[in-house]
C-alpha cells in the first residue's frame, strides 16, 4: 500500500488544500500521515471540538504533530520568524527522523513510500528521499507564476531587472518574466520578508530543480504560458483546484477532517437563505490580514452606503490592537441587512445563490474558490503573492475590479461603494460576471476525467504506485 507523508506549511491557507489532496490520495488507495505543528494541532482541535460531523474520521488519514520551534506565547503571524524556526524543527534531518519513527511502528506493507512536502520545506529533501528510497513531490499552495518568479529571481538579478538583494528600489512597471503580465515593481512576493525571503526563494528554486514532481494548486488553463515556460526547467504539474469534493461533484456527504483554526459560524448560511439571489456582498480577508481601526471604520461606512445586504467576517484579531472598530451606531443603522461572524464556511458561502460578489484579500485559496463558484471579486490585496494575484484577477482573467487606496494608504468609503456599484449595477460588472462564469466551467472541467488537472494528478499517482509494485 502506498503511504504518503504530507507536510504542509503551518498556515491555514496551506493546510486546507493539502488536506484536500490527502482525501484525493485516500480515494486512490493511499495511507496518509498528515503532519501539523503542535501549536496548530491544538488550535484545530479547539476550533472543531463541537463539530459532530468530524467524529469517527477516516482511519486512512493519521494526524500527527511536531514542535514548530517557537515558544507557545509567540505569534505565528511573523512569517519570517516562523520560517526561521521551521528550518530546524521541520528541516531535512527532522523529516528523516520522523520517517524513521513512523517506519519503526509500521509493518512492511505500511512503510512510508512517498514524501509530499510544502514548497517551503524542500531544501535538502532530495537526499532524504534518496536515503529512504521513496518518491518525493514538492507541493506549491499558490499558482505556478508565484513559484516561477521565486525560482528565476537570481536570473532577474543577473539581467539587472532586480538589485542584488532582490528589493526593488524604484516604483515602476516591470515585466519580470516574458510569460507574465506587466507588474508594479514592488509586487514581488518576497517583499514583506526582505532579503531573507528573497535568498530563501533562490535556495528553494535550486532544490526544486532536483525534484521530479512539483504539484501546483492551480489549473493549467489559468496560467498556461507560465506553466509551459516553467516546465522547461522544473517539473511543474497543476492539479487544482484542491477544493472539497462536494463543491466540485455535487456530493451531499462531506468527508473531511477539520483543519480550520476557527470554528465555522454556520448560522450565516441560514441568514443567506433569506436573502435575494445575487444580492449579498461577502467580505472576508483570510486568516492573516490585520487592519487599522480607521480602515475598518471606512469599510463599515462603505458597506453601509451600498444599502445592500452583506456578510462580513470579522476575526477577533482583524483589528490591530483593538477588539472592535465599528463606528458608533453602525449595527443599528444597517439592521437586518448585515450578518457579522468571526469565521465562515467559505466554500459554502461562495456557492450560495444569494452571494453577488466577494471582497477579498486575494489569497490564492480564496481566489480559486471564488472562480470555481463563479463569484466576481473586489480585490483588496494585503501582502506577499496577493498583489500579483490581483493583477491576474483584474487584467488577465478579468473576473474582478481593484480597490485603490488614497494618499494615506486607506481604501475609503467612497472608493468602496463606487466599486460595488460598478461591479453590481454597471455594464462593466455584467462583462465581469460573464468572464467569471466562463472560467468557472474551465476550472471545473480541469478536475474531471480528461481534464488537465485530472491528468496531471493521475500521472503522479501512477508513478508513485509503479515504484512500489
Protein backbone atom coordinates (compact mmCIF):
# COMPACT_ATOMS: atom_id res chain seq x y z
CA UNK A 1 0.00 0.00 0.00
CA UNK A 2 1.40 3.45 -0.88
CA UNK A 3 1.95 5.52 2.26
CA UNK A 4 2.46 9.26 1.79
CA UNK A 5 3.64 11.64 4.48
CA UNK A 6 2.17 15.12 3.85
CA UNK A 7 3.93 18.12 5.40
CA UNK A 8 2.14 21.46 4.91
CA UNK A 9 3.47 24.84 5.94
CA UNK A 10 1.75 25.56 9.29
CA UNK A 11 -0.58 28.23 7.92
CA UNK A 12 -4.33 27.99 7.31
CA UNK A 13 -4.02 28.63 3.56
CA UNK A 14 -1.54 25.77 3.17
CA UNK A 15 -3.09 23.18 5.49
CA UNK A 16 -6.61 23.28 3.99
CA UNK A 17 -5.77 22.45 0.36
CA UNK A 18 -3.17 19.86 1.38
CA UNK A 19 -5.87 18.09 3.38
CA UNK A 20 -7.99 18.03 0.22
CA UNK A 21 -5.03 16.42 -1.56
CA UNK A 22 -4.87 13.88 1.27
CA UNK A 23 -8.50 12.93 0.66
CA UNK A 24 -7.88 12.52 -3.07
CA UNK A 25 -4.94 10.22 -2.35
CA UNK A 26 -7.00 8.16 0.12
CA UNK A 27 -9.61 7.63 -2.59
CA UNK A 28 -6.78 6.20 -4.73
CA UNK A 29 -5.68 3.71 -2.10
CA UNK A 30 -3.06 5.68 -0.16
CA UNK A 31 -2.43 5.65 3.57
CA UNK A 32 -1.69 9.21 4.74
CA UNK A 33 0.34 10.58 7.62
CA UNK A 34 -0.52 14.29 7.90
CA UNK A 35 1.92 16.44 9.86
CA UNK A 36 0.80 19.55 11.74
CA UNK A 37 2.71 21.56 14.31
CA UNK A 38 1.78 21.07 17.98
CA UNK A 39 0.57 24.69 18.15
CA UNK A 40 -1.75 24.37 15.16
CA UNK A 41 -2.91 20.90 16.14
CA UNK A 42 -4.25 22.32 19.40
CA UNK A 43 -5.91 25.23 17.58
CA UNK A 44 -7.62 22.85 15.18
CA UNK A 45 -8.85 20.59 17.99
CA UNK A 46 -10.22 23.60 19.87
CA UNK A 47 -11.97 25.05 16.81
CA UNK A 48 -13.57 21.73 15.82
CA UNK A 49 -14.41 20.27 19.24
CA UNK A 50 -18.17 20.84 18.76
CA UNK A 51 -18.33 19.61 15.17
CA UNK A 52 -20.01 16.20 15.41
CA UNK A 53 -19.52 15.69 11.65
CA UNK A 54 -15.83 15.18 12.37
CA UNK A 55 -16.29 12.31 14.81
CA UNK A 56 -15.01 8.94 13.64
CA UNK A 57 -12.80 10.47 10.96
CA UNK A 58 -11.13 8.36 8.32
CA UNK A 59 -8.58 5.88 9.69
CA UNK A 60 -6.60 6.18 6.44
CA UNK A 61 -5.51 9.70 7.45
CA UNK A 62 -3.33 9.71 10.55
CA UNK A 63 -2.81 13.10 12.15
CA UNK A 64 0.48 13.67 13.98
CA UNK A 65 2.11 16.83 15.30
CA UNK A 66 5.63 18.11 15.88
CA UNK A 67 7.07 21.22 17.57
CA UNK A 68 7.45 24.35 15.40
CA UNK A 69 10.46 25.62 17.38
CA UNK A 70 8.70 28.68 18.85
CA UNK A 71 7.51 29.29 22.44
CA UNK A 72 3.71 28.95 22.82
CA UNK A 73 3.29 32.66 23.59
CA UNK A 74 4.94 33.79 20.32
CA UNK A 75 2.80 35.00 17.42
CA UNK A 76 2.72 32.71 14.38
CA UNK A 77 1.87 35.67 12.11
CA UNK A 78 5.51 36.77 11.91
CA UNK A 79 6.17 34.66 8.84
CA UNK A 80 9.94 35.21 8.74
CA UNK A 81 10.45 34.22 12.39
CA UNK A 82 8.24 31.16 11.88
CA UNK A 83 10.14 30.04 8.78
CA UNK A 84 13.48 30.51 10.52
CA UNK A 85 12.32 28.31 13.40
CA UNK A 86 10.93 25.69 10.99
CA UNK A 87 14.28 25.40 9.19
CA UNK A 88 15.38 23.44 12.27
CA UNK A 89 12.18 21.88 13.60
CA UNK A 90 10.99 20.65 10.17
CA UNK A 91 14.27 20.66 8.28
CA UNK A 92 15.68 17.64 6.40
CA UNK A 93 17.11 15.92 9.49
CA UNK A 94 13.81 16.31 11.38
CA UNK A 95 11.86 14.83 8.46
CA UNK A 96 14.39 12.00 8.17
CA UNK A 97 13.91 11.20 11.88
CA UNK A 98 10.12 11.44 11.50
CA UNK A 99 10.09 8.88 8.68
CA UNK A 100 12.33 6.58 10.71
CA UNK A 101 9.96 6.81 13.68
CA UNK A 102 6.91 6.08 11.51
CA UNK A 103 8.57 3.13 9.77
CA UNK A 104 9.64 1.57 13.06
CA UNK A 105 5.98 1.32 14.08
CA UNK A 106 4.68 0.02 10.74
CA UNK A 107 4.70 -3.40 9.17
CA UNK A 108 6.47 -3.80 5.85
CA UNK A 109 3.34 -3.09 3.78
CA UNK A 110 2.67 0.25 5.50
CA UNK A 111 6.09 1.90 5.49
CA UNK A 112 6.39 5.40 4.03
CA UNK A 113 6.75 5.31 0.24
CA UNK A 114 6.28 8.98 -0.65
CA UNK A 115 7.02 12.43 0.78
CA UNK A 116 4.82 15.36 -0.26
CA UNK A 117 6.30 18.45 1.37
CA UNK A 118 5.29 22.07 1.13
CA UNK A 119 7.47 24.16 -1.17
CA UNK A 120 8.99 25.90 1.87
CA UNK A 121 10.44 22.62 3.22
CA UNK A 122 12.07 21.35 0.02
CA UNK A 123 15.70 22.25 0.64
CA UNK A 124 17.66 19.06 1.34
CA UNK A 125 14.69 16.71 0.90
CA UNK A 126 16.06 15.14 -2.29
CA UNK A 127 18.77 13.47 -0.20
CA UNK A 128 16.26 12.38 2.46
CA UNK A 129 14.03 10.75 -0.17
CA UNK A 130 17.02 9.05 -1.75
CA UNK A 131 18.17 7.71 1.63
CA UNK A 132 14.74 6.18 2.34
CA UNK A 133 14.17 5.03 -1.29
CA UNK A 134 10.86 6.89 -1.50
CA UNK A 135 9.20 9.18 -4.05
CA UNK A 136 9.36 12.92 -3.45
CA UNK A 137 6.98 15.69 -4.50
CA UNK A 138 7.01 19.36 -3.66
CA UNK A 139 3.64 20.99 -3.10
CA UNK A 140 3.09 24.65 -4.01
CA UNK A 141 -0.04 26.20 -2.50
CA UNK A 142 -0.02 29.20 -4.85
CA UNK A 143 -0.05 29.47 -8.67
CA UNK A 144 2.86 28.48 -10.88
CA UNK A 145 3.58 32.15 -11.64
CA UNK A 146 4.50 32.75 -7.97
CA UNK A 147 6.71 29.67 -7.90
CA UNK A 148 8.35 30.69 -11.18
CA UNK A 149 9.18 34.26 -10.18
CA UNK A 150 10.81 32.97 -6.98
CA UNK A 151 12.75 30.25 -8.82
CA UNK A 152 14.02 32.61 -11.50
CA UNK A 153 14.77 35.53 -9.14
CA UNK A 154 18.56 35.06 -9.22
CA UNK A 155 18.37 35.24 -13.02
CA UNK A 156 16.48 38.54 -12.71
CA UNK A 157 19.41 39.89 -10.69
CA UNK A 158 21.88 38.77 -13.39
CA UNK A 159 19.76 40.53 -16.04
CA UNK A 160 19.72 43.75 -13.99
CA UNK A 161 15.94 43.60 -13.52
CA UNK A 162 16.34 43.21 -9.74
CA UNK A 163 19.06 44.58 -7.40
CA UNK A 164 21.32 42.06 -5.67
CA UNK A 165 19.20 41.96 -2.50
CA UNK A 166 16.01 41.41 -4.52
CA UNK A 167 14.27 44.51 -3.16
CA UNK A 168 13.13 46.94 -5.91
CA UNK A 169 14.26 50.50 -5.21
CA UNK A 170 12.05 52.28 -7.77
CA UNK A 171 8.31 52.38 -8.26
CA UNK A 172 7.79 51.39 -11.89
CA UNK A 173 6.03 48.90 -14.16
CA UNK A 174 8.10 45.80 -14.95
CA UNK A 175 7.72 42.57 -16.89
CA UNK A 176 9.59 40.18 -14.62
CA UNK A 177 9.07 37.11 -16.81
CA UNK A 178 8.18 37.03 -20.53
CA UNK A 179 5.21 34.76 -19.82
CA UNK A 180 3.77 37.05 -17.11
CA UNK A 181 1.82 40.33 -17.41
CA UNK A 182 3.28 43.73 -16.57
CA UNK A 183 3.51 44.22 -12.80
CA UNK A 184 4.26 47.01 -10.38
CA UNK A 185 7.92 46.62 -9.38
CA UNK A 186 7.05 46.22 -5.70
CA UNK A 187 4.60 43.36 -6.32
CA UNK A 188 7.35 40.77 -5.79
CA UNK A 189 6.04 38.17 -3.30
CA UNK A 190 9.10 38.25 -1.01
CA UNK A 191 8.96 41.98 -0.32
CA UNK A 192 7.29 41.63 3.10
CA UNK A 193 10.10 39.37 4.33
CA UNK A 194 13.01 41.31 2.87
CA UNK A 195 16.31 39.83 1.77
CA UNK A 196 15.87 36.69 3.91
CA UNK A 197 12.77 35.68 1.94
CA UNK A 198 14.47 36.54 -1.35
CA UNK A 199 17.51 34.35 -0.58
CA UNK A 200 15.33 31.52 0.70
CA UNK A 201 13.37 31.59 -2.56
CA UNK A 202 16.61 31.19 -4.54
CA UNK A 203 17.65 28.20 -2.39
CA UNK A 204 14.25 26.57 -2.80
CA UNK A 205 14.35 27.18 -6.56
CA UNK A 206 17.62 25.26 -6.74
CA UNK A 207 16.10 22.43 -4.69
CA UNK A 208 13.02 22.21 -6.91
CA UNK A 209 15.17 21.52 -9.96
CA UNK A 210 16.17 18.21 -8.31
CA UNK A 211 12.57 17.18 -7.63
CA UNK A 212 10.66 15.38 -10.36
CA UNK A 213 7.17 16.35 -9.18
CA UNK A 214 6.18 19.90 -8.21
CA UNK A 215 2.44 19.72 -7.58
CA UNK A 216 0.78 23.12 -8.03
CA UNK A 217 -2.59 24.04 -6.52
CA UNK A 218 -3.68 25.73 -9.73
CA UNK A 219 -5.18 24.97 -13.13
CA UNK A 220 -3.09 24.84 -16.31
CA UNK A 221 -5.56 26.89 -18.35
CA UNK A 222 -5.42 29.78 -15.85
CA UNK A 223 -1.71 30.32 -16.46
CA UNK A 224 -0.69 28.20 -19.46
CA UNK A 225 2.16 30.49 -20.72
CA UNK A 226 3.90 30.42 -17.33
CA UNK A 227 3.47 26.65 -16.86
CA UNK A 228 4.81 25.96 -20.35
CA UNK A 229 7.93 28.06 -19.69
CA UNK A 230 8.38 26.71 -16.17
CA UNK A 231 8.22 23.10 -17.38
CA UNK A 232 11.41 23.65 -19.38
CA UNK A 233 13.31 23.69 -16.07
CA UNK A 234 11.02 22.43 -13.30
CA UNK A 235 8.54 19.53 -13.24
CA UNK A 236 5.50 21.72 -12.54
CA UNK A 237 2.15 19.91 -12.58
CA UNK A 238 -1.02 21.91 -11.79
CA UNK A 239 -3.53 19.63 -10.01
CA UNK A 240 -6.04 22.17 -8.63
CA UNK A 241 -8.37 23.42 -7.57
CA UNK A 242 -7.98 21.50 -4.31
CA UNK A 243 -11.49 22.21 -3.03
CA UNK A 244 -13.79 19.88 -1.00
CA UNK A 245 -15.40 17.20 -3.16
CA UNK A 246 -18.99 18.25 -2.64
CA UNK A 247 -18.40 21.65 -4.23
CA UNK A 248 -16.89 20.08 -7.34
CA UNK A 249 -19.02 16.97 -7.87
CA UNK A 250 -22.36 17.79 -6.28
CA UNK A 251 -21.91 15.25 -3.46
CA UNK A 252 -24.11 15.70 -0.38
CA UNK A 253 -21.95 13.94 2.21
CA UNK A 254 -18.97 15.93 3.37
CA UNK A 255 -15.98 13.73 4.08
CA UNK A 256 -13.46 15.80 5.96
CA UNK A 257 -11.17 16.12 8.91
CA UNK A 258 -11.36 19.57 10.45
CA UNK A 259 -8.36 21.77 9.66
CA UNK A 260 -9.75 25.23 10.41
CA UNK A 261 -8.13 27.40 13.10
CA UNK A 262 -11.54 28.99 13.82
CA UNK A 263 -14.96 27.45 14.37
CA UNK A 264 -17.27 28.00 11.39
CA UNK A 265 -20.37 30.01 12.29
CA UNK A 266 -22.72 28.01 10.10
CA UNK A 267 -25.79 30.04 11.12
CA UNK A 268 -24.73 32.57 8.50
CA UNK A 269 -25.93 30.09 5.85
CA UNK A 270 -29.47 30.33 7.23
CA UNK A 271 -29.19 34.13 7.00
CA UNK A 272 -28.08 33.77 3.37
CA UNK A 273 -31.12 31.58 2.68
CA UNK A 274 -33.34 34.58 3.46
CA UNK A 275 -31.62 36.94 1.00
CA UNK A 276 -32.49 37.53 -2.65
CA UNK A 277 -30.45 35.83 -5.39
CA UNK A 278 -27.14 37.57 -6.18
CA UNK A 279 -27.75 40.33 -3.65
CA UNK A 280 -25.19 39.77 -0.87
CA UNK A 281 -21.73 41.30 -0.61
CA UNK A 282 -19.40 38.76 1.03
CA UNK A 283 -16.40 40.31 2.82
CA UNK A 284 -13.51 38.25 4.19
CA UNK A 285 -9.78 38.87 4.41
CA UNK A 286 -8.47 35.41 5.24
CA UNK A 287 -6.60 34.31 8.34
CA UNK A 288 -3.64 36.72 8.44
CA UNK A 289 -4.62 40.28 7.41
CA UNK A 290 -4.66 42.93 10.14
CA UNK A 291 -6.22 46.38 9.59
CA UNK A 292 -6.11 49.70 11.41
CA UNK A 293 -9.21 50.95 13.23
CA UNK A 294 -9.56 53.73 10.67
CA UNK A 295 -9.51 51.28 7.75
CA UNK A 296 -12.17 49.05 9.31
CA UNK A 297 -14.31 52.10 10.02
CA UNK A 298 -14.08 53.23 6.37
CA UNK A 299 -15.03 49.74 5.20
CA UNK A 300 -18.01 49.69 7.57
CA UNK A 301 -19.21 53.07 6.30
CA UNK A 302 -18.70 51.90 2.70
CA UNK A 303 -20.83 48.80 3.33
CA UNK A 304 -23.45 50.97 4.97
CA UNK A 305 -23.50 53.29 1.94
CA UNK A 306 -24.19 50.44 -0.52
CA UNK A 307 -27.63 49.80 1.03
CA UNK A 308 -27.13 46.14 0.14
CA UNK A 309 -27.12 43.06 2.40
CA UNK A 310 -23.64 41.91 3.39
CA UNK A 311 -21.94 39.03 5.20
CA UNK A 312 -18.75 40.25 6.87
CA UNK A 313 -16.13 38.02 8.51
CA UNK A 314 -14.57 40.00 11.38
CA UNK A 315 -11.96 37.82 13.08
CA UNK A 316 -11.22 38.54 16.72
CA UNK A 317 -7.70 39.60 15.66
CA UNK A 318 -8.63 41.52 12.49
CA UNK A 319 -8.13 44.97 14.01
CA UNK A 320 -4.66 45.98 15.12
CA UNK A 321 -4.68 46.47 18.88
CA UNK A 322 -8.46 46.66 19.29
CA UNK A 323 -11.39 44.29 19.76
CA UNK A 324 -13.79 46.32 17.62
CA UNK A 325 -13.55 49.33 15.34
CA UNK A 326 -17.09 49.52 14.07
CA UNK A 327 -18.36 53.12 14.03
CA UNK A 328 -20.91 54.14 16.69
CA UNK A 329 -24.45 53.30 15.63
CA UNK A 330 -23.29 51.18 12.67
CA UNK A 331 -25.09 47.97 13.68
CA UNK A 332 -28.28 49.84 14.44
CA UNK A 333 -28.15 51.61 11.09
CA UNK A 334 -27.61 48.51 8.91
CA UNK A 335 -30.02 46.36 10.92
CA UNK A 336 -31.08 43.02 9.45
CA UNK A 337 -29.27 43.52 6.16
CA UNK A 338 -25.96 42.64 7.82
CA UNK A 339 -24.58 39.39 9.20
CA UNK A 340 -21.24 39.63 11.02
CA UNK A 341 -19.37 36.46 12.01
CA UNK A 342 -15.89 35.66 13.31
CA UNK A 343 -15.37 32.87 10.73
CA UNK A 344 -17.48 31.45 7.92
CA UNK A 345 -17.63 28.17 5.96
CA UNK A 346 -16.29 29.97 2.91
CA UNK A 347 -16.85 27.42 0.15
CA UNK A 348 -20.46 27.04 1.29
CA UNK A 349 -20.86 30.82 1.32
CA UNK A 350 -19.37 31.35 -2.14
CA UNK A 351 -21.51 28.56 -3.61
CA UNK A 352 -24.70 30.08 -2.18
CA UNK A 353 -27.02 31.60 -4.82
CA UNK A 354 -27.60 34.78 -2.79
CA UNK A 355 -23.93 35.87 -2.98
CA UNK A 356 -23.31 38.59 -5.57
CA UNK A 357 -19.61 39.34 -5.11
CA UNK A 358 -16.63 38.71 -2.88
CA UNK A 359 -14.46 41.43 -1.31
CA UNK A 360 -11.20 39.53 -0.93
CA UNK A 361 -7.59 39.91 0.19
CA UNK A 362 -6.65 37.92 -2.94
CA UNK A 363 -5.20 34.96 -1.05
CA UNK A 364 -4.92 32.11 -3.53
CA UNK A 365 -7.37 29.67 -1.91
CA UNK A 366 -9.99 32.41 -1.83
CA UNK A 367 -9.35 33.38 -5.45
CA UNK A 368 -9.54 29.76 -6.61
CA UNK A 369 -12.75 29.15 -4.66
CA UNK A 370 -14.33 32.33 -5.99
CA UNK A 371 -13.58 31.42 -9.61
CA UNK A 372 -14.73 27.83 -9.07
CA UNK A 373 -18.06 29.08 -7.68
CA UNK A 374 -18.42 31.79 -10.37
CA UNK A 375 -18.31 34.78 -7.99
CA UNK A 376 -16.76 38.09 -9.20
CA UNK A 377 -14.26 39.78 -6.89
CA UNK A 378 -13.33 43.17 -5.50
CA UNK A 379 -9.58 43.00 -4.88
CA UNK A 380 -8.08 44.26 -1.61
CA UNK A 381 -4.58 42.72 -1.70
CA UNK A 382 -2.74 42.62 1.62
CA UNK A 383 0.74 41.04 1.27
CA UNK A 384 3.06 38.50 -0.41
CA UNK A 385 1.64 36.89 -3.58
CA UNK A 386 -1.70 38.69 -3.26
CA UNK A 387 -0.65 41.70 -5.35
CA UNK A 388 0.28 39.53 -8.33
CA UNK A 389 -2.93 37.54 -7.85
CA UNK A 390 -4.83 40.84 -8.07
CA UNK A 391 -3.17 41.62 -11.40
CA UNK A 392 -4.27 38.27 -12.81
CA UNK A 393 -7.82 38.69 -11.44
CA UNK A 394 -8.24 42.18 -12.91
CA UNK A 395 -6.06 42.25 -16.05
CA UNK A 396 -5.65 38.64 -17.22
CA UNK A 397 -8.80 36.72 -16.26
CA UNK A 398 -10.93 39.90 -15.99
CA UNK A 399 -13.05 38.47 -13.17
CA UNK A 400 -12.83 41.37 -10.74
CA UNK A 401 -12.09 45.02 -10.04
CA UNK A 402 -9.32 46.60 -7.94
CA UNK A 403 -9.84 48.68 -4.81
CA UNK A 404 -7.33 51.55 -4.75
CA UNK A 405 -6.01 53.23 -1.61
CA UNK A 406 -5.87 57.03 -1.23
CA UNK A 407 -2.72 59.04 -0.50
CA UNK A 408 -2.92 57.97 3.17
CA UNK A 409 -2.96 54.29 2.24
CA UNK A 410 -6.65 53.92 3.11
CA UNK A 411 -9.38 52.44 0.91
CA UNK A 412 -12.09 54.95 1.76
CA UNK A 413 -15.85 54.50 1.86
CA UNK A 414 -16.44 56.24 -1.49
CA UNK A 415 -13.86 54.09 -3.31
CA UNK A 416 -15.53 51.01 -1.87
CA UNK A 417 -19.17 51.93 -2.51
CA UNK A 418 -18.39 53.15 -6.04
CA UNK A 419 -16.60 49.89 -6.85
CA UNK A 420 -19.57 47.88 -5.56
CA UNK A 421 -21.92 49.91 -7.76
CA UNK A 422 -19.70 49.41 -10.81
CA UNK A 423 -19.45 45.65 -10.21
CA UNK A 424 -23.11 45.00 -9.44
CA UNK A 425 -25.02 47.65 -11.37
CA UNK A 426 -22.98 48.79 -14.39
CA UNK A 427 -22.24 47.18 -17.76
CA UNK A 428 -18.64 46.51 -16.69
CA UNK A 429 -19.98 44.23 -13.96
CA UNK A 430 -22.10 42.29 -16.47
CA UNK A 431 -18.98 41.62 -18.55
CA UNK A 432 -17.03 40.51 -15.49
CA UNK A 433 -19.78 38.07 -14.49
CA UNK A 434 -19.71 36.54 -17.98
CA UNK A 435 -15.95 36.10 -17.72
CA UNK A 436 -16.05 34.50 -14.27
CA UNK A 437 -18.70 32.03 -15.45
CA UNK A 438 -16.50 31.16 -18.43
CA UNK A 439 -13.55 30.47 -16.11
CA UNK A 440 -15.80 28.58 -13.69
CA UNK A 441 -16.51 25.99 -16.39
CA UNK A 442 -12.85 25.77 -17.43
CA UNK A 443 -11.66 25.23 -13.85
CA UNK A 444 -14.34 22.63 -13.08
CA UNK A 445 -13.64 20.76 -16.32
CA UNK A 446 -9.95 20.55 -15.38
CA UNK A 447 -10.60 18.17 -12.45
CA UNK A 448 -12.96 15.85 -14.31
CA UNK A 449 -11.87 12.88 -16.41
CA UNK A 450 -9.67 14.01 -19.30
CA UNK A 451 -9.12 17.46 -17.79
CA UNK A 452 -5.64 18.95 -17.31
CA UNK A 453 -5.57 18.68 -13.51
CA UNK A 454 -7.13 15.21 -13.60
CA UNK A 455 -4.42 14.01 -15.98
CA UNK A 456 -1.55 15.60 -14.03
CA UNK A 457 -2.75 14.19 -10.72
CA UNK A 458 -3.10 10.69 -12.16
CA UNK A 459 0.35 10.83 -13.77
CA UNK A 460 1.78 11.45 -10.30
CA UNK A 461 -0.33 8.79 -8.55
CA UNK A 462 0.52 6.16 -11.18
CA UNK A 463 4.22 6.97 -10.93
CA UNK A 464 4.24 6.58 -7.13
CA UNK A 465 2.32 3.29 -7.30
CA UNK A 466 4.53 1.88 -10.07
CA UNK A 467 7.65 2.37 -7.94
CA UNK A 468 6.32 0.12 -5.16
CA UNK A 469 4.72 -2.51 -7.41
